Protein backbone atom coordinates (compact mmCIF):
# COMPACT_ATOMS: atom_id res chain seq x y z
CA MET A 1 -105.54 30.05 -280.69
CA THR A 2 -106.38 27.64 -283.53
CA PHE A 3 -109.89 26.32 -284.15
CA LYS A 4 -108.89 22.92 -282.81
CA GLU A 5 -107.40 24.44 -279.69
CA THR A 6 -110.53 26.56 -279.19
CA VAL A 7 -112.81 23.50 -279.42
CA HIS A 8 -110.57 21.55 -277.03
CA GLN A 9 -110.57 24.30 -274.47
CA LEU A 10 -114.30 24.83 -274.94
CA SER A 11 -115.00 21.17 -274.19
CA HIS A 12 -113.01 21.51 -270.97
CA ILE A 13 -114.50 24.73 -269.57
CA SER A 14 -118.10 23.95 -270.65
CA GLU A 15 -118.27 20.81 -268.51
CA GLY A 16 -121.64 20.55 -266.79
CA MET A 17 -123.24 23.43 -268.75
CA SER A 18 -126.62 23.10 -270.43
CA VAL A 19 -128.02 24.74 -273.59
CA LEU A 20 -131.55 25.55 -274.77
CA TYR A 21 -131.52 25.87 -278.57
CA LEU A 22 -134.54 27.28 -280.48
CA GLU A 23 -134.91 26.97 -284.27
CA ASP A 24 -138.12 26.51 -286.28
CA GLU A 25 -136.39 24.93 -289.32
CA THR A 26 -136.00 21.24 -288.57
CA LEU A 27 -132.87 20.51 -290.62
CA ILE A 28 -130.92 23.45 -289.17
CA ARG A 29 -132.13 22.54 -285.67
CA GLU A 30 -131.04 18.92 -285.89
CA ASN A 31 -127.65 19.61 -287.49
CA THR A 32 -126.80 22.37 -285.03
CA LYS A 33 -127.90 20.16 -282.09
CA ILE A 34 -125.38 17.51 -283.21
CA LEU A 35 -122.62 20.13 -283.19
CA LEU A 36 -123.66 21.48 -279.80
CA GLU A 37 -123.71 17.97 -278.27
CA THR A 38 -120.02 17.61 -279.09
CA ILE A 39 -119.42 20.44 -276.67
CA PHE A 40 -122.21 20.33 -274.06
CA SER A 41 -123.50 17.34 -272.12
CA ASN A 42 -127.08 18.66 -272.04
CA VAL A 43 -128.66 20.18 -275.15
CA VAL A 44 -132.45 20.76 -275.29
CA THR A 45 -134.19 22.01 -278.47
CA ALA A 46 -137.48 23.77 -279.24
CA SER A 47 -139.17 24.84 -282.49
CA ASN A 48 -140.96 28.00 -281.31
CA GLY A 49 -140.95 30.64 -278.57
CA VAL A 50 -143.84 29.20 -276.53
CA GLU A 51 -142.23 25.75 -276.36
CA GLY A 52 -138.88 27.29 -275.55
CA LEU A 53 -140.27 29.47 -272.72
CA ASN A 54 -142.08 26.50 -271.20
CA LEU A 55 -138.83 24.47 -271.25
CA TYR A 56 -136.93 27.37 -269.71
CA GLN A 57 -139.46 27.70 -266.90
CA GLU A 58 -139.17 23.97 -266.15
CA GLY A 59 -135.36 23.88 -265.85
CA ALA A 60 -132.35 26.18 -265.70
CA PHE A 61 -130.06 26.62 -268.72
CA ASP A 62 -126.63 28.22 -268.84
CA ILE A 63 -127.01 29.40 -272.45
CA VAL A 64 -130.05 30.13 -274.61
CA ILE A 65 -129.46 30.13 -278.41
CA THR A 66 -132.51 31.33 -280.34
CA ASP A 67 -133.75 32.47 -283.72
CA ILE A 68 -135.86 35.64 -283.95
CA LEU A 69 -138.60 34.81 -286.44
CA MET A 70 -140.48 31.77 -285.11
CA PRO A 71 -144.16 30.73 -285.05
CA GLU A 72 -146.47 31.28 -282.06
CA MET A 73 -143.94 33.55 -280.23
CA ASN A 74 -140.98 35.23 -281.82
CA GLY A 75 -137.53 35.27 -280.29
CA VAL A 76 -137.67 38.88 -279.12
CA VAL A 77 -140.81 38.33 -277.02
CA MET A 78 -139.39 35.10 -275.58
CA VAL A 79 -136.05 36.76 -274.72
CA LYS A 80 -137.91 39.58 -272.96
CA LYS A 81 -139.84 37.08 -270.80
CA ILE A 82 -136.67 35.10 -270.05
CA LYS A 83 -134.86 38.30 -269.02
CA GLU A 84 -137.75 39.09 -266.69
CA LEU A 85 -137.18 35.70 -265.04
CA ASN A 86 -133.36 35.93 -265.05
CA PRO A 87 -131.73 39.26 -266.06
CA GLN A 88 -128.29 37.60 -266.08
CA GLN A 89 -129.21 34.87 -268.58
CA SER A 90 -126.63 34.43 -271.38
CA ILE A 91 -128.34 34.56 -274.78
CA ILE A 92 -127.05 34.15 -278.36
CA ILE A 93 -129.25 35.34 -281.26
CA THR A 94 -129.13 33.52 -284.64
CA SER A 95 -131.20 35.09 -287.40
CA ALA A 96 -131.36 36.01 -291.04
CA CYS A 97 -133.59 38.91 -290.07
CA GLU A 98 -131.95 42.24 -290.71
CA ASP A 99 -134.75 44.35 -289.22
CA GLY A 100 -132.98 47.03 -287.15
CA GLY A 101 -135.99 47.34 -284.82
CA TYR A 102 -135.63 43.75 -283.64
CA LEU A 103 -131.88 44.12 -283.14
CA LEU A 104 -132.31 47.34 -281.15
CA ASP A 105 -134.93 45.70 -278.92
CA LEU A 106 -132.59 42.80 -278.22
CA ILE A 107 -129.63 45.08 -277.48
CA ASN A 108 -131.84 47.01 -275.05
CA LEU A 109 -132.61 43.68 -273.37
CA GLY A 110 -128.89 43.16 -272.78
CA VAL A 111 -128.19 40.70 -275.60
CA ALA A 112 -124.64 41.15 -276.90
CA GLN A 113 -124.00 38.06 -279.08
CA PHE A 114 -125.49 37.86 -282.60
CA LEU A 115 -124.94 35.38 -285.44
CA LEU A 116 -126.33 35.98 -288.94
CA LYS A 117 -127.62 33.05 -290.95
CA PRO A 118 -126.42 31.05 -292.67
CA ILE A 119 -124.30 30.21 -289.63
CA LYS A 120 -120.68 29.21 -290.12
CA THR A 121 -119.38 26.62 -287.72
CA GLU A 122 -116.24 28.65 -286.93
CA ASN A 123 -118.33 31.73 -286.08
CA LEU A 124 -120.69 29.71 -283.87
CA ILE A 125 -117.81 28.09 -282.00
CA GLN A 126 -116.12 31.50 -281.51
CA ILE A 127 -119.29 33.09 -280.09
CA ILE A 128 -120.01 30.08 -277.86
CA HIS A 129 -116.37 30.16 -276.67
CA GLU A 130 -116.77 33.81 -275.61
CA VAL A 131 -120.03 33.14 -273.77
CA VAL A 132 -118.82 29.94 -272.10
CA THR A 133 -115.57 31.63 -271.02
CA ASN A 134 -117.57 34.45 -269.40
CA ILE A 135 -119.81 31.94 -267.61
CA TYR A 136 -116.82 29.85 -266.52
CA ASN A 137 -114.96 32.90 -265.19
CA GLN A 138 -118.04 34.18 -263.38
CA ARG A 139 -118.53 30.79 -261.74
CA LYS A 140 -114.92 30.80 -260.54
CA VAL A 141 -115.40 34.30 -259.17
CA ASN A 142 -118.59 33.20 -257.42
CA GLU A 143 -116.88 30.11 -256.01
CA LEU A 144 -113.98 32.22 -254.79
CA THR A 145 -116.37 34.77 -253.30
CA VAL A 146 -118.25 32.06 -251.44
CA GLN A 147 -114.97 30.57 -250.23
CA LEU A 148 -113.71 34.00 -249.14
CA LYS A 149 -116.94 34.66 -247.29
CA GLN A 150 -116.68 31.31 -245.57
CA ASP A 151 -113.03 31.94 -244.71
CA LEU A 152 -113.85 35.44 -243.50
CA LEU A 153 -116.68 34.11 -241.36
CA HIS A 154 -114.37 31.43 -240.01
CA GLN A 155 -111.59 33.92 -239.26
CA THR A 156 -114.02 36.40 -237.75
CA THR A 157 -115.43 33.70 -235.50
CA LEU A 158 -111.93 32.69 -234.42
CA LEU A 159 -110.90 36.31 -233.85
CA GLU A 160 -113.98 36.92 -231.72
CA GLN A 161 -113.10 33.88 -229.62
CA TYR A 162 -109.45 34.93 -229.38
CA LYS A 163 -110.51 38.43 -228.36
CA GLU A 164 -112.82 36.98 -225.72
CA ILE A 165 -109.99 34.86 -224.29
CA VAL A 166 -107.58 37.83 -224.32
CA ASP A 167 -110.14 40.12 -222.70
CA ILE A 168 -110.74 37.60 -219.92
CA SER A 169 -107.10 36.85 -219.16
CA THR A 170 -105.21 40.08 -219.95
CA ILE A 171 -105.30 43.86 -219.68
CA VAL A 172 -105.74 45.44 -223.12
CA THR A 173 -105.47 49.08 -224.16
CA LYS A 174 -105.24 50.80 -227.53
CA THR A 175 -103.46 54.13 -227.95
CA ASP A 176 -103.27 56.42 -230.98
CA MET A 177 -100.18 58.10 -232.43
CA HIS A 178 -100.62 61.06 -230.08
CA GLY A 179 -100.72 58.93 -226.95
CA HIS A 180 -104.48 59.22 -226.47
CA VAL A 181 -106.19 56.11 -225.09
CA ILE A 182 -108.89 55.02 -227.54
CA TYR A 183 -109.81 51.62 -226.05
CA THR A 184 -109.59 49.75 -222.77
CA ASN A 185 -111.08 46.38 -221.92
CA GLU A 186 -112.94 45.43 -218.76
CA ALA A 187 -109.83 43.85 -217.21
CA PHE A 188 -108.03 47.20 -217.39
CA CYS A 189 -110.87 49.02 -215.67
CA LYS A 190 -111.13 46.33 -213.00
CA THR A 191 -107.39 46.36 -212.28
CA SER A 192 -106.76 50.11 -212.39
CA GLY A 193 -110.05 51.26 -210.90
CA TYR A 194 -110.55 53.79 -213.71
CA ARG A 195 -113.47 53.89 -216.12
CA PHE A 196 -112.67 54.14 -219.82
CA ASP A 197 -113.98 57.72 -220.04
CA GLU A 198 -111.69 58.74 -217.17
CA ILE A 199 -108.55 57.27 -218.72
CA ALA A 200 -109.54 58.58 -222.17
CA ALA A 201 -109.94 62.09 -220.76
CA GLN A 202 -106.79 62.15 -218.59
CA GLY A 203 -104.47 59.76 -220.45
CA HIS A 204 -101.87 57.26 -219.30
CA ARG A 205 -100.13 59.90 -217.18
CA ILE A 206 -102.52 59.38 -214.26
CA LEU A 207 -101.27 55.78 -214.02
CA ARG A 208 -97.61 56.76 -213.65
CA HIS A 209 -96.07 55.62 -210.39
CA PRO A 210 -93.38 57.89 -208.87
CA ASP A 211 -90.90 54.99 -209.10
CA MET A 212 -91.11 55.08 -212.92
CA THR A 213 -88.85 57.71 -214.49
CA SER A 214 -89.59 59.98 -217.45
CA GLU A 215 -86.59 58.43 -219.17
CA PHE A 216 -88.23 55.00 -218.91
CA TYR A 217 -91.32 56.20 -220.78
CA ALA A 218 -89.26 58.18 -223.30
CA ASN A 219 -87.33 55.02 -224.23
CA MET A 220 -90.55 53.03 -224.49
CA TRP A 221 -92.15 55.65 -226.75
CA GLN A 222 -89.05 55.85 -228.95
CA THR A 223 -89.07 52.07 -229.39
CA ILE A 224 -92.65 51.84 -230.59
CA LEU A 225 -92.36 54.92 -232.81
CA ASN A 226 -89.51 53.05 -234.52
CA LYS A 227 -92.11 50.35 -235.32
CA GLN A 228 -90.53 47.91 -232.88
CA THR A 229 -92.32 45.88 -230.22
CA TRP A 230 -91.60 46.95 -226.65
CA THR A 231 -91.71 44.54 -223.70
CA GLY A 232 -91.04 45.26 -220.05
CA THR A 233 -92.36 45.63 -216.52
CA ILE A 234 -94.32 48.72 -215.47
CA LYS A 235 -95.32 49.85 -211.99
CA ASN A 236 -98.65 51.70 -212.15
CA LEU A 237 -100.90 53.65 -209.81
CA LYS A 238 -104.49 52.59 -209.19
CA LYS A 239 -107.25 55.14 -208.74
CA ASN A 240 -107.25 54.39 -205.00
CA GLY A 241 -103.54 55.19 -204.72
CA GLU A 242 -102.32 51.60 -204.46
CA HIS A 243 -99.86 50.23 -206.98
CA TYR A 244 -100.01 47.35 -209.43
CA ILE A 245 -97.25 45.86 -211.58
CA THR A 246 -97.69 44.54 -215.12
CA ASP A 247 -95.62 42.56 -217.59
CA THR A 248 -96.46 44.52 -220.73
CA THR A 249 -96.01 44.12 -224.49
CA ILE A 250 -96.76 47.09 -226.79
CA LYS A 251 -97.07 46.38 -230.53
CA PRO A 252 -97.32 49.06 -233.24
CA ILE A 253 -100.17 48.23 -235.66
CA LEU A 254 -99.18 49.04 -239.26
CA ASP A 255 -101.25 49.53 -242.42
CA GLU A 256 -100.41 47.93 -245.77
CA PHE A 257 -97.93 50.73 -246.48
CA GLY A 258 -96.06 50.29 -243.20
CA ASN A 259 -97.51 53.39 -241.54
CA ILE A 260 -98.40 53.23 -237.84
CA LEU A 261 -102.15 53.22 -237.22
CA ASP A 262 -102.12 52.83 -233.44
CA PHE A 263 -100.56 50.83 -230.62
CA ILE A 264 -101.96 47.76 -228.85
CA SER A 265 -100.83 47.06 -225.29
CA ILE A 266 -101.25 43.59 -223.77
CA SER A 267 -100.46 43.32 -220.05
CA HIS A 268 -100.60 40.75 -217.26
CA ASP A 269 -101.00 41.76 -213.64
CA VAL A 270 -97.98 40.30 -211.82
CA THR A 271 -98.32 42.36 -208.64
CA GLU A 272 -98.72 39.35 -206.35
CA LEU A 273 -95.69 37.68 -207.91
CA TYR A 274 -93.55 40.80 -207.47
CA ASP A 275 -94.81 41.38 -203.94
CA LEU A 276 -94.01 37.77 -203.06
CA ASN A 277 -90.59 38.11 -204.67
CA ASP A 278 -89.98 41.30 -202.69
CA GLU A 279 -91.03 39.56 -199.50
CA ILE A 280 -88.59 36.73 -200.26
CA TRP A 281 -85.82 39.27 -200.85
CA GLN A 282 -86.63 41.02 -197.59
CA THR A 283 -86.67 37.71 -195.71
CA GLN A 284 -83.35 36.67 -197.21
CA HIS A 285 -81.85 40.06 -196.44
CA GLU A 286 -83.04 39.93 -192.83
CA MET A 287 -81.66 36.42 -192.40
CA LEU A 288 -78.26 37.39 -193.82
CA SER A 289 -78.29 40.58 -191.75
CA LEU A 290 -78.92 38.56 -188.62
CA LEU A 291 -76.11 36.15 -189.54
CA GLY A 292 -73.88 39.12 -190.26
CA GLU A 293 -74.73 40.64 -186.91
CA VAL A 294 -73.88 37.35 -185.18
CA GLY A 295 -70.48 37.39 -186.88
CA GLU A 296 -69.89 41.04 -186.04
CA SER A 297 -70.94 40.55 -182.40
CA ARG A 298 -67.84 38.41 -181.82
CA SER A 299 -65.69 41.38 -182.66
CA GLN A 300 -67.92 43.62 -180.51
CA GLU A 301 -69.36 45.37 -183.57
CA THR A 302 -72.97 46.57 -183.42
CA GLY A 303 -75.72 45.29 -185.67
CA ASN A 304 -75.93 48.75 -187.17
CA HIS A 305 -72.56 48.23 -188.84
CA VAL A 306 -73.98 45.64 -191.26
CA ARG A 307 -77.11 47.76 -191.77
CA ARG A 308 -75.05 50.83 -192.65
CA VAL A 309 -72.72 48.91 -194.99
CA ALA A 310 -75.79 47.45 -196.74
CA LYS A 311 -77.30 50.92 -197.20
CA TYR A 312 -74.02 52.40 -198.43
CA SER A 313 -73.57 49.46 -200.83
CA LYS A 314 -77.08 49.79 -202.23
CA LEU A 315 -76.59 53.51 -202.83
CA LEU A 316 -73.20 52.98 -204.48
CA GLY A 317 -74.68 50.25 -206.71
CA GLU A 318 -77.49 52.55 -207.83
CA LEU A 319 -75.10 55.45 -208.48
CA TYR A 320 -72.75 53.13 -210.39
CA GLY A 321 -75.64 52.09 -212.66
CA LEU A 322 -76.10 48.47 -211.66
CA GLU A 323 -79.31 46.77 -212.74
CA GLU A 324 -82.00 46.61 -210.08
CA GLU A 325 -81.46 42.89 -209.50
CA GLU A 326 -77.71 43.37 -208.97
CA THR A 327 -78.37 46.24 -206.57
CA HIS A 328 -80.67 43.91 -204.63
CA LEU A 329 -77.93 41.29 -204.55
CA VAL A 330 -75.17 43.57 -203.27
CA TYR A 331 -77.56 45.07 -200.70
CA SER A 332 -78.75 41.73 -199.34
CA ALA A 333 -75.39 39.93 -199.54
CA SER A 334 -73.23 42.71 -198.03
CA PRO A 335 -73.95 41.74 -194.38
CA MET A 336 -71.92 38.57 -194.99
CA HIS A 337 -68.71 40.40 -195.91
CA ASP A 338 -67.04 39.58 -192.57
CA ILE A 339 -68.78 36.25 -191.83
CA GLY A 340 -65.35 34.58 -192.00
CA LYS A 341 -64.41 36.27 -188.72
CA ILE A 342 -66.23 33.48 -186.91
CA GLY A 343 -63.14 31.41 -187.66
CA ILE A 344 -60.69 33.93 -186.14
CA PRO A 345 -59.52 33.30 -182.52
CA ASP A 346 -60.82 35.72 -179.89
CA SER A 347 -57.28 36.58 -178.86
CA ILE A 348 -56.75 38.17 -182.26
CA LEU A 349 -60.29 39.31 -183.05
CA LEU A 350 -60.77 41.11 -179.73
CA LYS A 351 -57.25 42.44 -179.26
CA PRO A 352 -57.58 46.15 -178.35
CA GLY A 353 -54.24 47.20 -179.77
CA LYS A 354 -52.54 46.87 -183.11
CA LEU A 355 -52.03 43.34 -184.39
CA ASP A 356 -48.49 42.07 -184.86
CA PRO A 357 -47.52 40.72 -188.32
CA GLU A 358 -48.30 37.09 -187.44
CA GLU A 359 -51.67 38.02 -185.96
CA TYR A 360 -52.49 40.17 -188.96
CA GLU A 361 -51.83 37.25 -191.30
CA VAL A 362 -54.30 35.16 -189.31
CA MET A 363 -56.85 37.99 -189.40
CA LYS A 364 -56.52 38.20 -193.20
CA THR A 365 -57.72 34.59 -193.51
CA HIS A 366 -61.27 35.66 -192.64
CA SER A 367 -61.83 36.49 -196.33
CA ALA A 368 -61.00 32.94 -197.44
CA ILE A 369 -62.93 31.44 -194.50
CA GLY A 370 -66.05 33.38 -195.46
CA TYR A 371 -65.66 32.41 -199.09
CA ASP A 372 -65.29 28.70 -198.20
CA ILE A 373 -68.48 28.86 -196.12
CA LEU A 374 -70.52 30.32 -198.99
CA LYS A 375 -68.87 29.19 -202.23
CA ASN A 376 -70.71 25.90 -202.78
CA SER A 377 -74.20 27.41 -202.92
CA SER A 378 -75.92 27.65 -206.32
CA ARG A 379 -78.17 30.48 -205.12
CA PRO A 380 -77.38 33.87 -206.73
CA LEU A 381 -77.64 35.64 -203.37
CA LEU A 382 -75.15 33.36 -201.62
CA GLN A 383 -72.89 33.37 -204.69
CA ALA A 384 -72.82 37.18 -204.42
CA ALA A 385 -72.10 36.86 -200.68
CA ALA A 386 -69.17 34.51 -201.43
CA ILE A 387 -67.70 37.04 -203.88
CA ILE A 388 -68.07 39.85 -201.36
CA ALA A 389 -66.53 37.84 -198.52
CA ASN A 390 -63.58 36.92 -200.72
CA GLU A 391 -62.88 40.23 -202.45
CA HIS A 392 -63.85 43.09 -200.14
CA HIS A 393 -60.21 43.50 -199.01
CA GLU A 394 -58.77 43.51 -202.54
CA LYS A 395 -57.38 46.89 -203.64
CA TRP A 396 -57.56 48.69 -206.97
CA ASP A 397 -53.76 48.79 -207.29
CA GLY A 398 -53.38 45.05 -206.59
CA SER A 399 -51.92 45.38 -203.07
CA GLY A 400 -54.91 43.80 -201.29
CA TYR A 401 -55.70 40.25 -200.21
CA PRO A 402 -56.29 37.32 -200.46
CA ASN A 403 -55.53 37.13 -204.24
CA ALA A 404 -53.89 40.51 -205.00
CA LEU A 405 -56.50 41.26 -207.67
CA SER A 406 -56.41 44.69 -209.29
CA GLY A 407 -58.64 47.10 -211.19
CA GLU A 408 -61.73 45.66 -212.79
CA ASN A 409 -60.47 42.13 -212.13
CA ILE A 410 -61.98 42.77 -208.72
CA HIS A 411 -65.73 42.11 -208.93
CA ILE A 412 -67.83 45.27 -208.69
CA TYR A 413 -69.45 43.81 -205.55
CA GLY A 414 -66.05 43.59 -203.90
CA ARG A 415 -65.10 47.12 -204.98
CA ILE A 416 -68.36 48.54 -203.62
CA ILE A 417 -68.08 46.80 -200.23
CA ALA A 418 -64.41 47.82 -199.93
CA LEU A 419 -65.36 51.50 -199.96
CA ALA A 420 -68.53 51.09 -197.89
CA ASP A 421 -66.78 49.02 -195.23
CA VAL A 422 -63.79 51.37 -194.85
CA PHE A 423 -66.04 54.44 -194.68
CA ASP A 424 -68.09 52.87 -191.91
CA ALA A 425 -65.02 51.50 -190.06
CA LEU A 426 -63.38 54.94 -189.99
CA SER A 427 -66.51 56.81 -188.96
CA CYS A 428 -67.33 54.57 -185.95
CA ASP A 429 -65.55 53.52 -182.76
CA ARG A 430 -63.91 50.09 -182.79
CA VAL A 431 -62.24 48.11 -179.99
CA TYR A 432 -58.87 49.08 -181.39
CA LYS A 433 -59.55 52.76 -182.32
CA LYS A 434 -61.76 55.82 -181.99
CA ALA A 435 -63.91 57.21 -184.81
CA TRP A 436 -62.14 59.57 -187.21
CA PRO A 437 -63.32 63.12 -187.92
CA MET A 438 -65.24 63.35 -191.20
CA ASP A 439 -62.68 65.64 -192.84
CA LYS A 440 -59.93 63.08 -192.16
CA ILE A 441 -62.09 60.29 -193.59
CA ILE A 442 -62.73 62.31 -196.76
CA GLU A 443 -59.03 63.09 -197.05
CA LEU A 444 -58.09 59.40 -196.78
CA ILE A 445 -60.68 58.22 -199.28
CA ASN A 446 -59.55 60.86 -201.78
CA ASN A 447 -55.92 59.86 -201.22
CA GLU A 448 -56.80 56.19 -201.80
CA ARG A 449 -58.58 56.94 -205.09
CA GLY A 450 -56.95 54.67 -207.68
CA ARG A 451 -54.92 52.88 -204.99
CA HIS A 452 -57.28 51.19 -202.56
CA PHE A 453 -60.57 52.22 -204.18
CA ASP A 454 -62.14 52.21 -207.63
CA PRO A 455 -61.74 55.83 -208.87
CA LYS A 456 -65.25 55.94 -210.30
CA LEU A 457 -66.79 54.82 -207.00
CA VAL A 458 -64.79 57.45 -205.10
CA ASP A 459 -66.04 60.17 -207.48
CA LEU A 460 -69.64 59.01 -207.04
CA PHE A 461 -69.17 58.85 -203.26
CA MET A 462 -67.79 62.37 -203.07
CA ALA A 463 -70.48 63.77 -205.39
CA ASN A 464 -73.17 62.31 -203.10
CA LEU A 465 -71.39 62.60 -199.73
CA GLU A 466 -74.39 64.11 -197.98
CA ARG A 467 -76.52 61.05 -198.81
CA PHE A 468 -73.91 58.77 -197.22
CA THR A 469 -73.57 60.93 -194.10
CA ASP A 470 -77.37 60.94 -193.80
CA ILE A 471 -77.33 57.13 -193.67
CA ALA A 472 -74.54 57.22 -191.09
CA SER A 473 -76.54 59.60 -188.94
CA LYS A 474 -79.82 57.70 -189.26
CA PHE A 475 -78.29 54.33 -188.32
CA LYS A 476 -75.63 55.50 -185.87
CA ASP A 477 -74.72 53.26 -182.91
């Protein structure tokens, strides 16, 4: 940096700084003051140590520039008193004195800048530039520190308020890498019935409801160990044995290197919502079951037929791997599979013997009739019922009715009800036939694997035959 550039920068960064300059020789004092005033807006001079100390005590100065040998009080004594008042005071010594004792005393007082007389302007500017730069940088650091403290206080205040809101409205737990609970809020304790020390000692396992599988928790744990956020619904056990259901989000907390520190779980108790939803499902299922029973009563079927088909369908849906909501749908909508029979004449519907070809064609229209009754609803449950009514007589090989669909072009609901309905029809008395022996039913279903029925559903049925026969026995006519 050139001398001109140094002076220009010095004028910029020294803005607002003040200087106390002490020199007993008048000519040097006045000339140096003129130079200093080109840099600093406030320059105060003194001719001896006593005068200088009095001025210093009356007002603050950013820089003190002083000679050593002065009347009344020398510079070393004055510097010592100033350092007692302000140990951080920036001081520049200008002296022709080469006494090592004085210099050592000043160094021990923390003075680091010295100029030997006669003073060269370039040397003075260079020393002042160093001192002013240090002061300027320290001020910026102090300003930044103050700002950071204010920001930190502001953020801390906000975080405390956020935490208060979260603690009031949500269930919060913190878990370490080993699965140990290290924090629970009051909402958790109130909801679960457990104190923190109880859950900390026994762990999350005591909250596990029998409906929640080990696989469910293994998948959850794998997700968060992969540093991903997990969200889902959990059914938990309270201390009193009752259940509660939460919508839960678990977030891994990472350090600056991306390592997992612990896991924060935020949950909302949605038990009432789920219980209400379950009650709605049960009400809808009962209503459709009653409607199904009304339809079946025309063909002298018992109400237990629709109950059994619903149970078989639910079990098949679970075994097939349908989502819980779809299993609910097929279970609750299945009673409507034969609702179209209300449009079939009694002479055909109640005929005790085998139907002739013309009568059979009329009977086959019950699928389309049922579909037409239900198809215009926008409700998922009635949409599922429309599919079931329309497709439960379709066959895997495409030889069924009303649309000769085949394979997976037949909706899974239709494929499930096809097997459930035939199994129940064969195992119970009807107006036109007696119940078949179980070995004959099994033989037929196996023979119809890949023809009438979805092969996968037949395999699942056969692998769990005892569960289906248990339903048949429990809800027999």
